[in-house]
Amino acid sequence: MKRLSNQGYWNGLYQKSSDEAAKSQGLVGWLKQATSNYPNFLLWEKIFPHYFAGKAGHTLLEVGCAPGNYLTAFAARFGLDVYGVEYAPAGVQTTRERFLKEGLDPQHVIEADFFDDTFLAAHENEFDFVYSRGFIEHFDDPSAVVARHARLLKKDGLLIILIPNLHGLNKILAKYLNPESYAMHNTNIMQHDSFAALFPTEQYERKVLGLMGGFSFGLFNANTAAKQRLLSVLNIFQRPFDFVWRLCSPLIRIETPFTSPYLLAIVRKK
């Protein structure tokens, strides 16, 4: 299995984001960030409640969990018993600090390589939910990565995987704003048919599978200060459009393979 990124990259990223994570004020701060973005609105207000409401106390593991924003939101919104696995030491530290501030058990943040067989043996068939966002596309064999996710699930457990869509307009912008980051992604799985092939029907019951959301500048990151300033302005400019899309979301769908920022799979392990 070949990684398309390295631990040094993630350590640097999480060290940089540590101060930003510290500024968050619990669920209120996280929701302020999430609801300014239409794809996150779809996830947390329209899709996730259907699967997580009424599941308080159920266990959820996030693979590649730093800096802990999503785990703390799962705990606060749905009362889930949250765990994370992270192999970058800076990411582990940031996430444990976030857990402490939110009153969660920092020992639930497991410092381990997801691909270490010792980790798998210790946690196989353990969790009700396994979640990853922006993880499987960083490997040359994502089907094996998905299969390893599923081995951590209990029988009939739910697997939730979100990846970016770096095709069409998104590809042009991603390569301009941060070509080094773009090169770390396996773009072969970022189309509907190739993404769906990762979840064969003989192994999974498909609940949600496909593109999600309209165009979003929130998908991108930048590799220079000047580009980051530009991206920040564009994100502010987009907020009125996100607001309109939220109002219209029950009536229209705006997913296209050229502009949608994500592909989402929610599948039940058979």
C-alpha atoms as a PDB file:
ATOM      1  CA  MET A   1       0.000   0.000   0.000  1.00  0.00           C
ATOM      2  CA  LYS A   2       1.522   3.307  -1.080  1.00  0.00           C
ATOM      3  CA  ARG A   3       0.759   6.538   0.788  1.00  0.00           C
ATOM      4  CA  LEU A   4       0.407   9.613  -1.420  1.00  0.00           C
ATOM      5  CA  SER A   5       1.268  11.872   1.533  1.00  0.00           C
ATOM      6  CA  ASN A   6       3.643  11.601   4.490  1.00  0.00           C
ATOM      7  CA  GLN A   7       3.602  12.073   8.243  1.00  0.00           C
ATOM      8  CA  GLY A   8       5.701  15.243   8.030  1.00  0.00           C
ATOM      9  CA  TYR A   9       3.049  16.930   5.898  1.00  0.00           C
ATOM     10  CA  TRP A  10       0.264  16.107   8.376  1.00  0.00           C
ATOM     11  CA  ASN A  11       2.346  17.059  11.401  1.00  0.00           C
ATOM     12  CA  GLY A  12       2.987  20.472   9.870  1.00  0.00           C
ATOM     13  CA  LEU A  13      -0.652  20.904   8.951  1.00  0.00           C
ATOM     14  CA  TYR A  14      -1.948  20.016  12.409  1.00  0.00           C
ATOM     15  CA  GLN A  15       0.669  22.123  14.178  1.00  0.00           C
ATOM     16  CA  LYS A  16      -0.440  25.073  12.081  1.00  0.00           C
ATOM     17  CA  SER A  17      -4.111  24.423  12.809  1.00  0.00           C
ATOM     18  CA  SER A  18      -3.616  24.012  16.570  1.00  0.00           C
ATOM     19  CA  ASP A  19      -4.108  27.712  17.319  1.00  0.00           C
ATOM     20  CA  GLU A  20      -7.189  27.828  15.112  1.00  0.00           C
ATOM     21  CA  ALA A  21      -8.700  24.836  16.896  1.00  0.00           C
ATOM     22  CA  ALA A  22      -8.089  26.513  20.244  1.00  0.00           C
ATOM     23  CA  LYS A  23     -10.228  29.460  19.192  1.00  0.00           C
ATOM     24  CA  SER A  24     -13.311  27.289  18.756  1.00  0.00           C
ATOM     25  CA  GLN A  25     -15.884  27.614  21.515  1.00  0.00           C
ATOM     26  CA  GLY A  26     -17.446  24.175  21.607  1.00  0.00           C
ATOM     27  CA  LEU A  27     -20.454  23.315  19.509  1.00  0.00           C
ATOM     28  CA  VAL A  28     -21.479  26.944  18.998  1.00  0.00           C
ATOM     29  CA  GLY A  29     -18.134  27.788  17.443  1.00  0.00           C
ATOM     30  CA  TRP A  30     -18.135  24.680  15.311  1.00  0.00           C
ATOM     31  CA  LEU A  31     -21.674  25.287  14.051  1.00  0.00           C
ATOM     32  CA  LYS A  32     -20.806  28.881  13.156  1.00  0.00           C
ATOM     33  CA  GLN A  33     -18.131  27.478  10.878  1.00  0.00           C
ATOM     34  CA  ALA A  34     -20.170  24.569   9.571  1.00  0.00           C
ATOM     35  CA  THR A  35     -23.349  26.439   8.694  1.00  0.00           C
ATOM     36  CA  SER A  36     -21.470  29.027   6.636  1.00  0.00           C
ATOM     37  CA  ASN A  37     -20.805  26.199   4.212  1.00  0.00           C
ATOM     38  CA  TYR A  38     -23.632  24.595   2.237  1.00  0.00           C
ATOM     39  CA  PRO A  39     -22.100  21.081   1.982  1.00  0.00           C
ATOM     40  CA  ASN A  40     -21.631  20.964   5.763  1.00  0.00           C
ATOM     41  CA  PHE A  41     -25.196  22.197   6.190  1.00  0.00           C
ATOM     42  CA  LEU A  42     -26.389  19.269   4.073  1.00  0.00           C
ATOM     43  CA  LEU A  43     -24.375  16.825   6.151  1.00  0.00           C
ATOM     44  CA  TRP A  44     -25.221  18.055   9.636  1.00  0.00           C
ATOM     45  CA  GLU A  45     -28.767  19.324   9.171  1.00  0.00           C
ATOM     46  CA  LYS A  46     -30.196  17.063   6.469  1.00  0.00           C
ATOM     47  CA  ILE A  47     -28.261  13.800   6.209  1.00  0.00           C
ATOM     48  CA  PHE A  48     -26.602  12.956   9.531  1.00  0.00           C
ATOM     49  CA  PRO A  49     -29.700  13.410  11.732  1.00  0.00           C
ATOM     50  CA  HIS A  50     -31.405  10.647   9.753  1.00  0.00           C
ATOM     51  CA  TYR A  51     -28.712   8.161  10.803  1.00  0.00           C
ATOM     52  CA  PHE A  52     -27.460   9.440  14.175  1.00  0.00           C
ATOM     53  CA  ALA A  53     -30.502  10.907  15.939  1.00  0.00           C
ATOM     54  CA  GLY A  54     -31.554   8.657  18.801  1.00  0.00           C
ATOM     55  CA  LYS A  55     -28.192   6.844  18.834  1.00  0.00           C
ATOM     56  CA  ALA A  56     -26.789   8.400  22.029  1.00  0.00           C
ATOM     57  CA  GLY A  57     -24.165   6.171  23.594  1.00  0.00           C
ATOM     58  CA  HIS A  58     -23.363   4.363  20.353  1.00  0.00           C
ATOM     59  CA  THR A  59     -19.671   4.270  19.459  1.00  0.00           C
ATOM     60  CA  LEU A  60     -18.147   6.145  16.519  1.00  0.00           C
ATOM     61  CA  LEU A  61     -14.532   5.989  15.355  1.00  0.00           C
ATOM     62  CA  GLU A  62     -13.075   8.627  13.043  1.00  0.00           C
ATOM     63  CA  VAL A  63     -10.088   7.513  10.974  1.00  0.00           C
ATOM     64  CA  GLY A  64      -7.606  10.380  10.640  1.00  0.00           C
ATOM     65  CA  CYS A  65      -9.366  12.371  13.348  1.00  0.00           C
ATOM     66  CA  ALA A  66      -7.222  15.508  13.852  1.00  0.00           C
ATOM     67  CA  PRO A  67      -7.948  18.217  14.864  1.00  0.00           C
ATOM     68  CA  GLY A  68     -11.120  16.765  16.426  1.00  0.00           C
ATOM     69  CA  ASN A  69     -13.774  19.155  15.077  1.00  0.00           C
ATOM     70  CA  TYR A  70     -16.019  16.428  13.723  1.00  0.00           C
ATOM     71  CA  LEU A  71     -15.722  14.103  16.718  1.00  0.00           C
ATOM     72  CA  THR A  72     -16.645  16.846  19.189  1.00  0.00           C
ATOM     73  CA  ALA A  73     -19.616  17.772  16.990  1.00  0.00           C
ATOM     74  CA  PHE A  74     -20.803  14.140  16.825  1.00  0.00           C
ATOM     75  CA  ALA A  75     -20.625  13.973  20.615  1.00  0.00           C
ATOM     76  CA  ALA A  76     -22.404  17.282  21.187  1.00  0.00           C
ATOM     77  CA  ARG A  77     -25.068  16.937  18.505  1.00  0.00           C
ATOM     78  CA  PHE A  78     -25.961  13.270  18.842  1.00  0.00           C
ATOM     79  CA  GLY A  79     -24.499  12.096  22.149  1.00  0.00           C
ATOM     80  CA  LEU A  80     -22.238   9.554  20.477  1.00  0.00           C
ATOM     81  CA  ASP A  81     -19.350   7.933  22.347  1.00  0.00           C
ATOM     82  CA  VAL A  82     -16.546   9.148  20.092  1.00  0.00           C
ATOM     83  CA  TYR A  83     -13.094   7.743  19.365  1.00  0.00           C
ATOM     84  CA  GLY A  84     -10.398   8.719  16.895  1.00  0.00           C
ATOM     85  CA  VAL A  85      -7.262   7.194  15.452  1.00  0.00           C
ATOM     86  CA  GLU A  86      -4.428   9.450  14.291  1.00  0.00           C
ATOM     87  CA  TYR A  87      -0.795   8.705  13.431  1.00  0.00           C
ATOM     88  CA  ALA A  88       0.667  12.237  13.290  1.00  0.00           C
ATOM     89  CA  PRO A  89       1.854  13.175  16.818  1.00  0.00           C
ATOM     90  CA  ALA A  90       0.928  16.849  16.385  1.00  0.00           C
ATOM     91  CA  GLY A  91      -2.563  15.799  15.334  1.00  0.00           C
ATOM     92  CA  VAL A  92      -2.928  13.510  18.353  1.00  0.00           C
ATOM     93  CA  GLN A  93      -1.907  16.326  20.708  1.00  0.00           C
ATOM     94  CA  THR A  94      -4.246  18.849  19.111  1.00  0.00           C
ATOM     95  CA  THR A  95      -7.182  16.436  19.225  1.00  0.00           C
ATOM     96  CA  ARG A  96      -6.574  15.420  22.837  1.00  0.00           C
ATOM     97  CA  GLU A  97      -6.433  19.076  23.861  1.00  0.00           C
ATOM     98  CA  ARG A  98      -9.719  19.637  22.057  1.00  0.00           C
ATOM     99  CA  PHE A  99     -11.273  16.639  23.823  1.00  0.00           C
ATOM    100  CA  LEU A 100     -10.196  17.963  27.226  1.00  0.00           C
ATOM    101  CA  LYS A 101     -11.791  21.343  26.515  1.00  0.00           C
ATOM    102  CA  GLU A 102     -15.036  19.658  25.475  1.00  0.00           C
ATOM    103  CA  GLY A 103     -15.152  17.335  28.485  1.00  0.00           C
ATOM    104  CA  LEU A 104     -14.390  14.201  26.451  1.00  0.00           C
ATOM    105  CA  ASP A 105     -11.948  11.445  27.365  1.00  0.00           C
ATOM    106  CA  PRO A 106      -8.578  12.251  25.700  1.00  0.00           C
ATOM    107  CA  GLN A 107      -7.646   8.556  25.893  1.00  0.00           C
ATOM    108  CA  HIS A 108     -10.287   7.967  23.229  1.00  0.00           C
ATOM    109  CA  VAL A 109      -7.816   9.587  20.817  1.00  0.00           C
ATOM    110  CA  ILE A 110      -5.686   6.609  19.804  1.00  0.00           C
ATOM    111  CA  GLU A 111      -2.152   7.310  18.599  1.00  0.00           C
ATOM    112  CA  ALA A 112      -1.588   4.561  16.050  1.00  0.00           C
ATOM    113  CA  ASP A 113      -1.088   3.836  12.391  1.00  0.00           C
ATOM    114  CA  PHE A 114      -4.458   2.835  10.981  1.00  0.00           C
ATOM    115  CA  PHE A 115      -2.631   0.195   8.904  1.00  0.00           C
ATOM    116  CA  ASP A 116      -0.882  -1.391  11.884  1.00  0.00           C
ATOM    117  CA  ASP A 117      -2.244  -4.916  12.361  1.00  0.00           C
ATOM    118  CA  THR A 118      -1.885  -4.483  16.132  1.00  0.00           C
ATOM    119  CA  PHE A 119      -4.367  -1.605  16.017  1.00  0.00           C
ATOM    120  CA  LEU A 120      -6.766  -3.640  13.874  1.00  0.00           C
ATOM    121  CA  ALA A 121      -6.579  -6.670  16.148  1.00  0.00           C
ATOM    122  CA  ALA A 122      -7.329  -4.504  19.201  1.00  0.00           C
ATOM    123  CA  HIS A 123     -10.409  -2.854  17.659  1.00  0.00           C
ATOM    124  CA  GLU A 124     -11.840  -5.228  15.040  1.00  0.00           C
ATOM    125  CA  ASN A 125     -15.666  -5.444  15.087  1.00  0.00           C
ATOM    126  CA  GLU A 126     -15.796  -2.826  17.872  1.00  0.00           C
ATOM    127  CA  PHE A 127     -17.654   0.264  16.612  1.00  0.00           C
ATOM    128  CA  ASP A 128     -21.245   1.063  15.650  1.00  0.00           C
ATOM    129  CA  PHE A 129     -20.077   3.743  13.209  1.00  0.00           C
ATOM    130  CA  VAL A 130     -16.793   4.317  11.385  1.00  0.00           C
ATOM    131  CA  TYR A 131     -16.264   7.693   9.720  1.00  0.00           C
ATOM    132  CA  SER A 132     -13.543   9.272   7.623  1.00  0.00           C
ATOM    133  CA  ARG A 133     -13.411  12.510   5.718  1.00  0.00           C
ATOM    134  CA  GLY A 134     -10.626  13.222   3.245  1.00  0.00           C
ATOM    135  CA  PHE A 135      -8.698  10.058   4.022  1.00  0.00           C
ATOM    136  CA  ILE A 136      -9.019   7.198   1.541  1.00  0.00           C
ATOM    137  CA  GLU A 137      -8.033   9.320  -1.464  1.00  0.00           C
ATOM    138  CA  HIS A 138      -4.490   9.649  -0.098  1.00  0.00           C
ATOM    139  CA  PHE A 139      -3.634   6.035  -1.002  1.00  0.00           C
ATOM    140  CA  ASP A 140      -2.996   4.189  -4.238  1.00  0.00           C
ATOM    141  CA  ASP A 141      -5.306   1.282  -3.266  1.00  0.00           C
ATOM    142  CA  PRO A 142      -8.395   2.873  -1.720  1.00  0.00           C
ATOM    143  CA  SER A 143     -10.455  -0.327  -1.957  1.00  0.00           C
ATOM    144  CA  ALA A 144      -8.142  -1.951   0.605  1.00  0.00           C
ATOM    145  CA  VAL A 145      -8.448   1.149   2.798  1.00  0.00           C
ATOM    146  CA  VAL A 146     -12.256   0.955   2.711  1.00  0.00           C
ATOM    147  CA  ALA A 147     -12.154  -2.755   3.551  1.00  0.00           C
ATOM    148  CA  ARG A 148     -10.010  -1.997   6.591  1.00  0.00           C
ATOM    149  CA  HIS A 149     -12.545   0.619   7.732  1.00  0.00           C
ATOM    150  CA  ALA A 150     -15.269  -2.018   7.533  1.00  0.00           C
ATOM    151  CA  ARG A 151     -13.332  -4.506   9.662  1.00  0.00           C
ATOM    152  CA  LEU A 152     -13.570  -2.076  12.571  1.00  0.00           C
ATOM    153  CA  LEU A 153     -17.380  -2.100  12.377  1.00  0.00           C
ATOM    154  CA  LYS A 154     -19.732  -4.318  14.297  1.00  0.00           C
ATOM    155  CA  LYS A 155     -22.098  -6.490  12.297  1.00  0.00           C
ATOM    156  CA  ASP A 156     -24.657  -4.190  10.609  1.00  0.00           C
ATOM    157  CA  GLY A 157     -22.502  -1.185  11.539  1.00  0.00           C
ATOM    158  CA  LEU A 158     -22.604   1.958   9.420  1.00  0.00           C
ATOM    159  CA  LEU A 159     -19.644   3.212   7.367  1.00  0.00           C
ATOM    160  CA  ILE A 160     -19.543   6.901   6.401  1.00  0.00           C
ATOM    161  CA  ILE A 161     -16.863   8.061   3.956  1.00  0.00           C
ATOM    162  CA  LEU A 162     -16.523  11.517   2.411  1.00  0.00           C
ATOM    163  CA  ILE A 163     -13.932  12.430  -0.219  1.00  0.00           C
ATOM    164  CA  PRO A 164     -13.338  15.569  -2.285  1.00  0.00           C
ATOM    165  CA  ASN A 165     -14.261  15.809  -5.948  1.00  0.00           C
ATOM    166  CA  LEU A 166     -11.214  17.213  -7.746  1.00  0.00           C
ATOM    167  CA  HIS A 167     -12.573  17.091 -11.278  1.00  0.00           C
ATOM    168  CA  GLY A 168     -13.902  19.812 -13.546  1.00  0.00           C
ATOM    169  CA  LEU A 169     -13.703  23.340 -12.158  1.00  0.00           C
ATOM    170  CA  ASN A 170     -12.495  21.967  -8.831  1.00  0.00           C
ATOM    171  CA  LYS A 171      -9.421  20.450 -10.494  1.00  0.00           C
ATOM    172  CA  ILE A 172      -8.452  23.745 -12.115  1.00  0.00           C
ATOM    173  CA  LEU A 173      -8.724  25.659  -8.850  1.00  0.00           C
ATOM    174  CA  ALA A 174      -7.062  22.978  -6.715  1.00  0.00           C
ATOM    175  CA  LYS A 175      -4.047  22.775  -9.009  1.00  0.00           C
ATOM    176  CA  TYR A 176      -3.698  26.571  -9.025  1.00  0.00           C
ATOM    177  CA  LEU A 177      -4.193  27.156  -5.294  1.00  0.00           C
ATOM    178  CA  ASN A 178      -2.073  24.261  -4.002  1.00  0.00           C
ATOM    179  CA  PRO A 179      -0.542  21.959  -6.630  1.00  0.00           C
ATOM    180  CA  GLU A 180       1.486  20.080  -3.994  1.00  0.00           C
ATOM    181  CA  SER A 181      -1.662  19.163  -2.102  1.00  0.00           C
ATOM    182  CA  TYR A 182      -3.465  18.210  -5.309  1.00  0.00           C
ATOM    183  CA  ALA A 183      -0.663  15.763  -6.158  1.00  0.00           C
ATOM    184  CA  MET A 184      -1.304  13.905  -2.879  1.00  0.00           C
ATOM    185  CA  HIS A 185      -4.784  12.836  -4.014  1.00  0.00           C
ATOM    186  CA  ASN A 186      -5.884   9.742  -5.889  1.00  0.00           C
ATOM    187  CA  THR A 187      -8.259  11.433  -8.332  1.00  0.00           C
ATOM    188  CA  ASN A 188      -9.150   8.157 -10.063  1.00  0.00           C
ATOM    189  CA  ILE A 189     -11.847   7.448  -7.454  1.00  0.00           C
ATOM    190  CA  MET A 190     -13.440  10.890  -7.675  1.00  0.00           C
ATOM    191  CA  GLN A 191     -16.130   9.970 -10.180  1.00  0.00           C
ATOM    192  CA  HIS A 192     -19.417   8.272  -9.371  1.00  0.00           C
ATOM    193  CA  ASP A 193     -18.800   4.854 -10.913  1.00  0.00           C
ATOM    194  CA  SER A 194     -15.252   4.433  -9.589  1.00  0.00           C
ATOM    195  CA  PHE A 195     -16.321   5.651  -6.142  1.00  0.00           C
ATOM    196  CA  ALA A 196     -19.322   3.310  -6.102  1.00  0.00           C
ATOM    197  CA  ALA A 197     -17.078   0.378  -7.023  1.00  0.00           C
ATOM    198  CA  LEU A 198     -15.397   0.733  -3.614  1.00  0.00           C
ATOM    199  CA  PHE A 199     -18.660  -0.388  -1.966  1.00  0.00           C
ATOM    200  CA  PRO A 200     -19.773  -3.622  -3.715  1.00  0.00           C
ATOM    201  CA  THR A 201     -23.387  -4.536  -3.045  1.00  0.00           C
ATOM    202  CA  GLU A 202     -22.508  -8.059  -1.916  1.00  0.00           C
ATOM    203  CA  GLN A 203     -20.630  -6.542   1.033  1.00  0.00           C
ATOM    204  CA  TYR A 204     -22.542  -3.347   1.752  1.00  0.00           C
ATOM    205  CA  GLU A 205     -26.108  -2.082   1.768  1.00  0.00           C
ATOM    206  CA  ARG A 206     -25.899   1.324   0.122  1.00  0.00           C
ATOM    207  CA  LYS A 207     -27.852   4.068   1.891  1.00  0.00           C
ATOM    208  CA  VAL A 208     -26.312   7.207   0.329  1.00  0.00           C
ATOM    209  CA  LEU A 209     -23.848   7.115  -2.540  1.00  0.00           C
ATOM    210  CA  GLY A 210     -22.850   9.914  -4.887  1.00  0.00           C
ATOM    211  CA  LEU A 211     -22.048  13.591  -5.335  1.00  0.00           C
ATOM    212  CA  MET A 212     -22.983  16.042  -2.607  1.00  0.00           C
ATOM    213  CA  GLY A 213     -23.448  19.800  -2.617  1.00  0.00           C
ATOM    214  CA  GLY A 214     -22.951  22.720  -4.951  1.00  0.00           C
ATOM    215  CA  PHE A 215     -19.703  24.469  -5.763  1.00  0.00           C
ATOM    216  CA  SER A 216     -17.801  25.551  -2.649  1.00  0.00           C
ATOM    217  CA  PHE A 217     -14.588  27.499  -2.158  1.00  0.00           C
ATOM    218  CA  GLY A 218     -14.473  25.753   1.234  1.00  0.00           C
ATOM    219  CA  LEU A 219     -13.091  22.702  -0.562  1.00  0.00           C
ATOM    220  CA  PHE A 220      -9.731  24.319  -1.261  1.00  0.00           C
ATOM    221  CA  ASN A 221      -6.551  25.244   0.579  1.00  0.00           C
ATOM    222  CA  ALA A 222      -3.697  27.474  -0.565  1.00  0.00           C
ATOM    223  CA  ASN A 223       0.080  27.132  -0.559  1.00  0.00           C
ATOM    224  CA  THR A 224       0.990  30.839  -0.287  1.00  0.00           C
ATOM    225  CA  ALA A 225      -0.136  33.710   1.907  1.00  0.00           C
ATOM    226  CA  ALA A 226      -1.366  35.683  -1.120  1.00  0.00           C
ATOM    227  CA  LYS A 227      -3.485  32.791  -2.373  1.00  0.00           C
ATOM    228  CA  GLN A 228      -4.823  32.222   1.149  1.00  0.00           C
ATOM    229  CA  ARG A 229      -5.952  35.853   1.339  1.00  0.00           C
ATOM    230  CA  LEU A 230      -7.665  35.481  -2.025  1.00  0.00           C
ATOM    231  CA  LEU A 231      -9.356  32.291  -0.888  1.00  0.00           C
ATOM    232  CA  SER A 232     -10.556  33.944   2.317  1.00  0.00           C
ATOM    233  CA  VAL A 233     -12.188  36.733   0.298  1.00  0.00           C
ATOM    234  CA  LEU A 234     -13.819  34.229  -2.050  1.00  0.00           C
ATOM    235  CA  ASN A 235     -15.211  32.259   0.894  1.00  0.00           C
ATOM    236  CA  ILE A 236     -16.806  35.439   2.266  1.00  0.00           C
ATOM    237  CA  PHE A 237     -18.200  36.248  -1.171  1.00  0.00           C
ATOM    238  CA  GLN A 238     -19.786  32.807  -1.352  1.00  0.00           C
ATOM    239  CA  ARG A 239     -21.723  33.017   1.926  1.00  0.00           C
ATOM    240  CA  PRO A 240     -24.854  34.666   0.447  1.00  0.00           C
ATOM    241  CA  PHE A 241     -25.016  31.903  -2.177  1.00  0.00           C
ATOM    242  CA  ASP A 242     -24.696  29.267   0.553  1.00  0.00           C
ATOM    243  CA  PHE A 243     -27.565  30.912   2.413  1.00  0.00           C
ATOM    244  CA  VAL A 244     -29.805  30.835  -0.666  1.00  0.00           C
ATOM    245  CA  TRP A 245     -28.887  27.196  -1.356  1.00  0.00           C
ATOM    246  CA  ARG A 246     -29.811  26.283   2.219  1.00  0.00           C
ATOM    247  CA  LEU A 247     -33.206  27.906   1.800  1.00  0.00           C
ATOM    248  CA  CYS A 248     -33.801  26.133  -1.516  1.00  0.00           C
ATOM    249  CA  SER A 249     -32.325  22.739  -0.593  1.00  0.00           C
ATOM    250  CA  PRO A 250     -35.701  20.994  -0.129  1.00  0.00           C
ATOM    251  CA  LEU A 251     -36.721  22.082  -3.634  1.00  0.00           C
ATOM    252  CA  ILE A 252     -33.641  21.821  -5.859  1.00  0.00           C
ATOM    253  CA  ARG A 253     -30.542  19.646  -6.238  1.00  0.00           C
ATOM    254  CA  ILE A 254     -27.395  21.296  -7.516  1.00  0.00           C
ATOM    255  CA  GLU A 255     -25.000  18.356  -7.717  1.00  0.00           C
ATOM    256  CA  THR A 256     -22.876  18.106 -10.863  1.00  0.00           C
ATOM    257  CA  PRO A 257     -19.635  16.152 -11.532  1.00  0.00           C
ATOM    258  CA  PHE A 258     -17.941  19.393 -12.597  1.00  0.00           C
ATOM    259  CA  THR A 259     -18.715  21.540  -9.543  1.00  0.00           C
ATOM    260  CA  SER A 260     -19.882  19.453  -6.553  1.00  0.00           C
ATOM    261  CA  PRO A 261     -17.193  19.495  -3.861  1.00  0.00           C
ATOM    262  CA  TYR A 262     -17.662  16.013  -2.393  1.00  0.00           C
ATOM    263  CA  LEU A 263     -18.677  12.426  -2.891  1.00  0.00           C
ATOM    264  CA  LEU A 264     -20.398  10.741   0.030  1.00  0.00           C
ATOM    265  CA  ALA A 265     -20.975   7.092   0.877  1.00  0.00           C
ATOM    266  CA  ILE A 266     -23.106   5.882   3.772  1.00  0.00           C
ATOM    267  CA  VAL A 267     -23.284   2.094   3.675  1.00  0.00           C
ATOM    268  CA  ARG A 268     -24.235  -0.668   6.097  1.00  0.00           C
ATOM    269  CA  LYS A 269     -21.865  -3.581   6.577  1.00  0.00           C
ATOM    270  CA  LYS A 270     -23.586  -6.848   5.688  1.00  0.00           C
END
